[in-house]
Amino acid sequence: MTVKVDATAEPGDRHADPLNGSANGASLVAERPAPARTGTRRRSSKSYAALDLGTNNCRLLIAEPAHFGFRVVDAFSRIVRLGEGLGLGNRLSDDAIARTLDALRVCREKMAAKDVTRARLVATEACRLAENGPSFIERVRDELDLDLEIVDRKTEAYLAVTGCASLVDPKAHSVIVFDIGGGSTEIAWLDGQAPHAFADPCKRIRAWDSLPVGVVTLAERWGGIDVTPETFEGMVEEVSDLLLDFALVAAQAGRARHFHLLGTSGTVTTVGGIHLGLARYDRRRVDGMWMRNGEISTVMQRLLHSDFTQRAENPCIGRERADLVLAGCAILEAIRRAFPSERLRIADRGLREGILMKMMREDFVWRGGQR
């Protein structure tokens, strides 16, 4: 594995910017130029949609530009486990495809109902790995008239950074950002402080990597129902080996002033929700919260000493994710060991928000339209 160092990427170099990507969206959507700003306040005539089809989840976010950032007008999330079995094989199963098509139909209806004018629909590790991934993409296009774009690992890492970088401590001179997915884990080193609130955070990426391991693939290899401390340690060691090259390149990150970790994934939001003792998961309380190192360890030990039924009954986990949460904790633990930090900030935002921010930035929505 080779860690990717981006210290030489020049601002404005489109070839160095994977986020520009293609303009693929939904075929049902016609892309139109942003309307010029007028003096009257009214509902925006341009809605954006971002869809993230991962190894475990299908997520949609529909939003309109706001004075700062954007306003969400609709959202959808469903566990589809598209990558089920990929930890042991290389094909998407018929059942997983059927579940995913059902979820994508719902997304299509929501985009049509909200009159979306620009969309980007991305598929990640499951479709990258599966030998029938391209044929699945064609089937989605034929049956649902939706254009899914299989993004490469660099694009996925940069979009994750874009989506949650607003939560970076403005005093921090260095941050490790990570996104624990179902089939892969993206990690990046942001070096230096942001010059202003709307600066592109990707210009600060000093190095990044995409580890070929996620909660689904790791749990399938090691087992996610009955997890002993020995099994957990084995998972941590596997991830630590995959993380080694990046950890060597970014070793000095932790020595910078106000260094901290920033994590986005179901794993870290679950840890946050459990720490707060939520009777029901509440994004408003979890997104942006800080956790101390000892608090994280306490939650992880609690989960490690819980059986499957106890994990399934936790309102921040549920039965559908009870067999995956400890695999996610093992990935989190490997990152904590590689980059010790007293602080972790938790983001309930990521790829979809990054896609939305990217499209709106391209359309200059915060500058009154095209220049």
Protein backbone atom coordinates (compact mmCIF):
# COMPACT_ATOMS: atom_id res chain seq x y z
CA MET A 1 0.00 0.00 0.00
CA THR A 2 1.32 3.45 -0.85
CA VAL A 3 0.30 6.49 1.12
CA LYS A 4 -0.70 9.40 -1.06
CA VAL A 5 1.01 12.68 -0.24
CA ASP A 6 -0.56 15.81 -1.72
CA ALA A 7 1.85 18.48 -0.54
CA THR A 8 2.59 19.51 -4.14
CA ALA A 9 -0.98 19.86 -5.38
CA GLU A 10 -1.43 23.36 -6.72
CA PRO A 11 -4.58 25.37 -5.96
CA GLY A 12 -6.65 25.71 -9.08
CA ASP A 13 -5.20 22.61 -10.72
CA ARG A 14 -8.31 20.70 -11.76
CA HIS A 15 -6.29 17.58 -12.44
CA ALA A 16 -5.14 17.60 -8.82
CA ASP A 17 -8.71 17.91 -7.57
CA PRO A 18 -10.63 14.63 -7.60
CA LEU A 19 -13.80 16.28 -6.38
CA ASN A 20 -14.59 17.90 -9.70
CA GLY A 21 -15.35 14.43 -11.00
CA SER A 22 -18.08 13.97 -13.54
CA ALA A 23 -21.33 15.88 -13.41
CA ASN A 24 -23.25 12.62 -13.25
CA GLY A 25 -26.51 12.83 -11.39
CA ALA A 26 -29.95 11.46 -11.94
CA SER A 27 -31.16 11.19 -15.51
CA LEU A 28 -34.51 12.49 -14.33
CA VAL A 29 -32.77 15.74 -13.38
CA ALA A 30 -31.96 18.54 -15.79
CA GLU A 31 -28.96 20.58 -14.70
CA ARG A 32 -29.64 24.30 -15.01
CA PRO A 33 -27.48 27.32 -14.20
CA ALA A 34 -28.00 28.91 -10.80
CA PRO A 35 -30.46 31.82 -10.90
CA ALA A 36 -29.11 35.28 -10.28
CA ARG A 37 -29.73 36.67 -6.81
CA THR A 38 -32.51 39.24 -6.53
CA GLY A 39 -33.42 41.64 -3.78
CA THR A 40 -36.51 39.67 -2.75
CA ARG A 41 -36.37 36.79 -0.29
CA ARG A 42 -38.00 33.68 -1.64
CA ARG A 43 -37.57 29.93 -1.71
CA SER A 44 -34.54 28.95 -3.76
CA SER A 45 -35.39 27.60 -7.20
CA LYS A 46 -32.38 25.30 -7.13
CA SER A 47 -32.29 22.15 -5.05
CA TYR A 48 -29.29 19.84 -4.83
CA ALA A 49 -29.18 16.13 -4.08
CA ALA A 50 -26.30 13.96 -2.90
CA LEU A 51 -26.55 10.19 -2.70
CA ASP A 52 -23.97 7.95 -1.06
CA LEU A 53 -24.35 4.25 -1.82
CA GLY A 54 -21.90 2.49 0.44
CA THR A 55 -21.17 -1.06 1.44
CA ASN A 56 -23.72 -0.96 4.25
CA ASN A 57 -26.00 2.05 3.74
CA CYS A 58 -27.86 3.96 1.06
CA ARG A 59 -28.11 7.64 2.07
CA LEU A 60 -29.69 10.61 0.34
CA LEU A 61 -29.61 14.28 1.25
CA ILE A 62 -31.56 17.02 -0.56
CA ALA A 63 -30.71 20.62 0.28
CA GLU A 64 -31.00 24.23 -0.81
CA PRO A 65 -28.27 26.88 -0.42
CA ALA A 66 -28.53 29.04 2.68
CA HIS A 67 -26.70 32.16 3.79
CA PHE A 68 -24.06 29.97 5.47
CA GLY A 69 -23.90 26.45 4.06
CA PHE A 70 -27.19 24.82 3.10
CA ARG A 71 -30.62 23.93 4.43
CA VAL A 72 -31.68 20.28 4.33
CA VAL A 73 -35.16 19.82 2.85
CA ASP A 74 -35.30 16.02 2.80
CA ALA A 75 -33.17 13.04 3.78
CA PHE A 76 -33.26 9.27 3.56
CA SER A 77 -31.12 6.49 4.98
CA ARG A 78 -31.55 2.73 4.83
CA ILE A 79 -29.27 -0.17 5.70
CA VAL A 80 -29.06 -2.26 2.53
CA ARG A 81 -25.80 -4.21 3.06
CA LEU A 82 -24.95 -4.07 -0.60
CA GLY A 83 -21.50 -5.45 0.17
CA GLU A 84 -22.77 -8.42 2.15
CA GLY A 85 -20.40 -11.31 1.49
CA LEU A 86 -17.64 -9.23 -0.08
CA GLY A 87 -15.40 -9.96 2.87
CA LEU A 88 -15.34 -13.56 1.63
CA GLY A 89 -16.12 -13.25 -2.10
CA ASN A 90 -16.14 -10.78 -4.97
CA ARG A 91 -19.74 -10.51 -6.15
CA LEU A 92 -22.80 -8.52 -5.10
CA SER A 93 -25.51 -11.00 -4.15
CA ASP A 94 -28.95 -11.01 -5.74
CA ASP A 95 -30.61 -10.31 -2.38
CA ALA A 96 -28.31 -7.35 -1.69
CA ILE A 97 -28.99 -5.93 -5.15
CA ALA A 98 -32.75 -6.27 -4.66
CA ARG A 99 -32.60 -4.47 -1.30
CA THR A 100 -30.53 -1.70 -2.81
CA LEU A 101 -32.79 -1.21 -5.82
CA ASP A 102 -35.76 -0.80 -3.48
CA ALA A 103 -33.91 1.91 -1.55
CA LEU A 104 -32.84 3.68 -4.73
CA ARG A 105 -36.46 3.79 -5.91
CA VAL A 106 -37.34 5.70 -2.77
CA CYS A 107 -34.46 8.10 -3.42
CA ARG A 108 -35.59 8.65 -6.99
CA GLU A 109 -39.12 9.50 -5.84
CA LYS A 110 -37.82 11.95 -3.26
CA MET A 111 -35.62 13.75 -5.78
CA ALA A 112 -38.52 14.05 -8.19
CA ALA A 113 -40.84 15.32 -5.45
CA LYS A 114 -38.38 18.03 -4.41
CA ASP A 115 -37.71 19.12 -8.00
CA VAL A 116 -33.95 18.56 -7.71
CA THR A 117 -32.04 20.50 -10.35
CA ARG A 118 -28.56 19.12 -9.77
CA ALA A 119 -27.47 15.82 -8.26
CA ARG A 120 -24.44 13.66 -7.79
CA LEU A 121 -24.98 10.00 -6.96
CA VAL A 122 -21.89 8.07 -5.91
CA ALA A 123 -21.16 4.44 -5.16
CA THR A 124 -18.10 3.44 -3.17
CA GLU A 125 -16.18 0.37 -2.05
CA ALA A 126 -18.77 -2.37 -2.67
CA CYS A 127 -19.14 -1.40 -6.32
CA ARG A 128 -15.40 -0.84 -6.66
CA LEU A 129 -14.59 -4.33 -5.42
CA ALA A 130 -17.37 -6.47 -6.88
CA GLU A 131 -16.76 -7.99 -10.29
CA ASN A 132 -20.44 -7.42 -11.08
CA GLY A 133 -20.32 -3.81 -9.83
CA PRO A 134 -20.38 -2.30 -13.36
CA SER A 135 -23.33 -4.49 -14.39
CA PHE A 136 -25.18 -3.40 -11.24
CA ILE A 137 -24.60 0.25 -12.19
CA GLU A 138 -26.03 -0.44 -15.67
CA ARG A 139 -29.06 -2.14 -14.15
CA VAL A 140 -29.73 0.90 -11.95
CA ARG A 141 -29.53 3.11 -15.02
CA ASP A 142 -31.84 0.87 -17.08
CA GLU A 143 -34.46 0.20 -14.41
CA LEU A 144 -34.46 3.46 -12.45
CA ASP A 145 -33.01 6.00 -14.87
CA LEU A 146 -30.39 6.96 -12.27
CA ASP A 147 -26.71 7.46 -13.08
CA LEU A 148 -24.53 6.13 -10.29
CA GLU A 149 -20.87 7.12 -10.40
CA ILE A 150 -18.33 4.69 -8.92
CA VAL A 151 -15.86 7.08 -7.31
CA ASP A 152 -12.23 6.23 -6.69
CA ARG A 153 -10.71 6.15 -3.22
CA LYS A 154 -9.13 9.58 -3.47
CA THR A 155 -12.43 11.20 -4.36
CA GLU A 156 -14.13 9.44 -1.46
CA ALA A 157 -11.46 10.60 0.99
CA TYR A 158 -11.61 14.20 -0.24
CA LEU A 159 -15.41 14.32 -0.14
CA ALA A 160 -15.41 13.02 3.43
CA VAL A 161 -12.97 15.78 4.43
CA THR A 162 -15.08 18.41 2.66
CA GLY A 163 -18.23 17.24 4.42
CA CYS A 164 -16.98 17.43 7.99
CA ALA A 165 -14.06 19.90 7.94
CA SER A 166 -16.28 22.67 9.35
CA LEU A 167 -16.02 20.84 12.70
CA VAL A 168 -12.24 21.15 12.87
CA ASP A 169 -11.09 23.19 15.87
CA PRO A 170 -10.07 26.53 14.30
CA LYS A 171 -7.11 26.64 16.71
CA ALA A 172 -5.80 23.26 15.54
CA HIS A 173 -2.63 23.31 13.45
CA SER A 174 -3.06 19.64 12.54
CA VAL A 175 -5.99 17.20 12.40
CA ILE A 176 -6.44 13.56 11.43
CA VAL A 177 -9.82 13.11 9.73
CA PHE A 178 -11.20 9.61 9.21
CA ASP A 179 -14.33 7.99 7.82
CA ILE A 180 -14.99 4.38 8.86
CA GLY A 181 -17.16 2.87 6.14
CA GLY A 182 -18.66 -0.52 5.47
CA GLY A 183 -15.97 -1.69 3.05
CA SER A 184 -13.15 0.83 3.38
CA THR A 185 -11.79 3.43 5.77
CA GLU A 186 -10.58 6.80 4.49
CA ILE A 187 -8.09 8.82 6.50
CA ALA A 188 -6.44 12.17 5.83
CA TRP A 189 -3.98 14.53 7.49
CA LEU A 190 -5.02 18.18 7.42
CA ASP A 191 -1.97 20.35 8.00
CA GLY A 192 -2.23 24.01 8.95
CA GLN A 193 -5.12 26.25 9.96
CA ALA A 194 -8.02 27.22 7.73
CA PRO A 195 -7.58 30.76 6.36
CA HIS A 196 -11.33 31.43 6.49
CA ALA A 197 -14.66 29.65 6.96
CA PHE A 198 -15.33 28.98 3.26
CA ALA A 199 -11.78 27.90 2.33
CA ASP A 200 -11.51 24.57 0.56
CA PRO A 201 -10.25 22.14 3.25
CA CYS A 202 -8.81 19.81 0.62
CA LYS A 203 -6.04 22.34 -0.01
CA ARG A 204 -4.77 21.47 3.48
CA ILE A 205 -4.56 17.72 2.92
CA ARG A 206 -0.91 16.77 3.41
CA ALA A 207 -1.44 13.01 3.01
CA TRP A 208 -4.33 10.58 2.71
CA ASP A 209 -5.01 6.88 2.42
CA SER A 210 -7.89 4.48 1.86
CA LEU A 211 -7.65 1.29 3.87
CA PRO A 212 -9.31 -1.75 2.26
CA VAL A 213 -11.22 -2.60 5.43
CA GLY A 214 -14.55 -1.51 6.85
CA VAL A 215 -17.07 -2.65 9.44
CA VAL A 216 -18.82 -5.13 7.13
CA THR A 217 -15.72 -6.75 5.65
CA LEU A 218 -13.91 -6.90 9.01
CA ALA A 219 -16.91 -8.37 10.83
CA GLU A 220 -17.38 -11.00 8.13
CA ARG A 221 -13.76 -12.12 8.43
CA TRP A 222 -13.59 -12.18 12.24
CA GLY A 223 -17.22 -12.63 13.25
CA GLY A 224 -19.37 -9.89 14.70
CA ILE A 225 -21.82 -11.68 16.96
CA ASP A 226 -19.58 -13.32 19.57
CA VAL A 227 -16.52 -11.09 19.91
CA THR A 228 -13.97 -11.96 22.59
CA PRO A 229 -11.21 -9.60 23.74
CA GLU A 230 -8.78 -11.77 21.79
CA THR A 231 -10.86 -11.51 18.63
CA PHE A 232 -11.13 -7.75 19.10
CA GLU A 233 -7.37 -7.42 19.49
CA GLY A 234 -6.86 -9.47 16.33
CA MET A 235 -9.08 -7.04 14.41
CA VAL A 236 -7.17 -4.07 15.82
CA GLU A 237 -3.85 -5.58 14.78
CA GLU A 238 -5.09 -6.24 11.24
CA VAL A 239 -6.15 -2.62 10.84
CA SER A 240 -2.95 -1.35 12.47
CA ASP A 241 -0.90 -3.20 9.86
CA LEU A 242 -2.92 -1.59 7.06
CA LEU A 243 -2.54 1.82 8.72
CA LEU A 244 1.22 1.60 9.20
CA ASP A 245 2.35 3.36 6.01
CA PHE A 246 0.05 6.32 6.58
CA ALA A 247 1.01 6.51 10.26
CA LEU A 248 4.68 6.79 9.29
CA VAL A 249 4.06 9.58 6.77
CA ALA A 250 1.80 11.53 9.15
CA ALA A 251 3.79 10.83 12.31
CA GLN A 252 4.43 14.50 13.03
CA ALA A 253 0.72 15.40 12.89
CA GLY A 254 0.22 14.70 16.59
CA ARG A 255 2.98 17.09 17.62
CA ALA A 256 1.21 20.18 16.25
CA ARG A 257 -0.59 22.66 18.47
CA HIS A 258 -4.17 21.74 19.47
CA PHE A 259 -4.02 18.48 17.50
CA HIS A 260 -7.16 16.36 17.56
CA LEU A 261 -8.98 13.55 15.76
CA LEU A 262 -12.16 14.14 13.74
CA GLY A 263 -14.23 11.07 12.93
CA THR A 264 -17.28 10.60 10.75
CA SER A 265 -19.10 7.27 10.63
CA GLY A 266 -21.78 5.22 12.29
CA THR A 267 -19.12 3.90 14.64
CA VAL A 268 -18.13 7.23 16.16
CA THR A 269 -21.70 8.57 16.30
CA THR A 270 -22.73 5.36 18.08
CA VAL A 271 -19.92 5.76 20.60
CA GLY A 272 -21.04 9.35 21.16
CA GLY A 273 -24.68 8.42 21.61
CA ILE A 274 -23.85 5.66 24.10
CA HIS A 275 -21.61 8.03 26.07
CA LEU A 276 -24.48 10.51 26.35
CA GLY A 277 -26.84 7.73 27.47
CA LEU A 278 -29.41 8.61 24.83
CA ALA A 279 -32.72 6.77 25.03
CA ARG A 280 -32.98 7.39 21.30
CA TYR A 281 -30.27 8.52 18.94
CA ASP A 282 -30.36 12.29 18.45
CA ARG A 283 -28.20 13.75 15.70
CA ARG A 284 -28.50 17.26 17.12
CA ARG A 285 -26.77 16.20 20.33
CA VAL A 286 -24.12 13.99 18.74
CA ASP A 287 -22.99 15.95 15.68
CA GLY A 288 -20.11 18.18 16.74
CA MET A 289 -19.69 16.77 20.25
CA TRP A 290 -16.25 16.32 21.80
CA MET A 291 -15.14 13.18 23.63
CA ARG A 292 -12.09 12.72 25.82
CA ASN A 293 -9.77 9.80 25.36
CA GLY A 294 -10.85 8.09 28.58
CA GLU A 295 -14.53 8.47 27.74
CA ILE A 296 -14.03 6.67 24.43
CA SER A 297 -12.19 3.82 26.15
CA THR A 298 -15.00 3.45 28.68
CA VAL A 299 -17.66 3.09 25.96
CA MET A 300 -15.58 0.63 23.97
CA GLN A 301 -14.93 -1.55 27.02
CA ARG A 302 -18.65 -1.51 27.77
CA LEU A 303 -19.43 -2.70 24.26
CA LEU A 304 -16.71 -5.34 24.33
CA HIS A 305 -18.18 -6.84 27.49
CA SER A 306 -21.74 -6.82 26.12
CA ASP A 307 -23.24 -9.77 24.27
CA PHE A 308 -25.04 -9.53 20.95
CA THR A 309 -28.49 -9.19 22.54
CA GLN A 310 -27.35 -6.36 24.81
CA ARG A 311 -25.82 -4.51 21.89
CA ALA A 312 -28.96 -5.03 19.79
CA GLU A 313 -31.13 -3.61 22.57
CA ASN A 314 -29.06 -0.43 22.81
CA PRO A 315 -31.12 2.32 21.13
CA CYS A 316 -28.01 3.84 19.55
CA ILE A 317 -27.10 0.51 17.87
CA GLY A 318 -30.12 -1.66 17.06
CA ARG A 319 -30.30 -5.20 15.76
CA GLU A 320 -29.25 -4.33 12.21
CA ARG A 321 -25.88 -3.00 13.37
CA ALA A 322 -25.22 -5.05 16.49
CA ASP A 323 -22.90 -7.41 14.63
CA LEU A 324 -20.89 -4.55 13.11
CA VAL A 325 -20.28 -2.11 15.95
CA LEU A 326 -17.28 -3.90 17.49
CA ALA A 327 -15.57 -4.18 14.11
CA GLY A 328 -15.97 -0.41 13.82
CA CYS A 329 -14.59 0.05 17.33
CA ALA A 330 -11.55 -2.03 16.36
CA ILE A 331 -10.86 0.31 13.43
CA LEU A 332 -11.32 3.32 15.72
CA GLU A 333 -8.95 1.79 18.27
CA ALA A 334 -6.24 1.22 15.64
CA ILE A 335 -6.49 4.89 14.62
CA ARG A 336 -6.32 6.01 18.27
CA ARG A 337 -3.19 3.95 18.84
CA ALA A 338 -1.51 5.31 15.72
CA PHE A 339 -2.43 8.93 16.57
CA PRO A 340 -2.86 9.32 20.34
CA SER A 341 -5.01 12.34 21.13
CA GLU A 342 -6.86 13.55 24.18
CA ARG A 343 -9.70 14.84 21.99
CA LEU A 344 -11.98 13.35 19.36
CA ARG A 345 -14.67 15.40 17.65
CA ILE A 346 -17.62 13.44 16.29
CA ALA A 347 -19.28 14.31 13.00
CA ASP A 348 -22.68 13.06 11.93
CA ARG A 349 -21.94 14.34 8.46
CA GLY A 350 -19.61 13.27 5.70
CA LEU A 351 -19.75 12.19 2.08
CA ARG A 352 -23.20 13.57 1.23
CA GLU A 353 -22.47 16.92 2.83
CA GLY A 354 -19.15 17.00 1.00
CA ILE A 355 -20.87 16.42 -2.33
CA LEU A 356 -23.38 19.19 -1.62
CA MET A 357 -20.69 21.65 -0.54
CA LYS A 358 -18.65 20.83 -3.64
CA MET A 359 -21.53 21.37 -6.07
CA MET A 360 -22.60 24.61 -4.40
CA ARG A 361 -19.05 25.88 -4.33
CA GLU A 362 -18.76 25.14 -8.07
CA ASP A 363 -21.97 27.13 -8.66
CA PHE A 364 -20.73 30.07 -6.55
CA VAL A 365 -24.00 30.01 -4.61
CA TRP A 366 -22.46 31.99 -1.75
CA ARG A 367 -21.22 34.68 -4.15
CA GLY A 368 -24.46 35.62 -5.87
CA GLY A 369 -24.25 33.27 -8.84
CA GLN A 370 -21.63 32.77 -11.52
CA ARG A 371 -18.80 35.24 -11.68
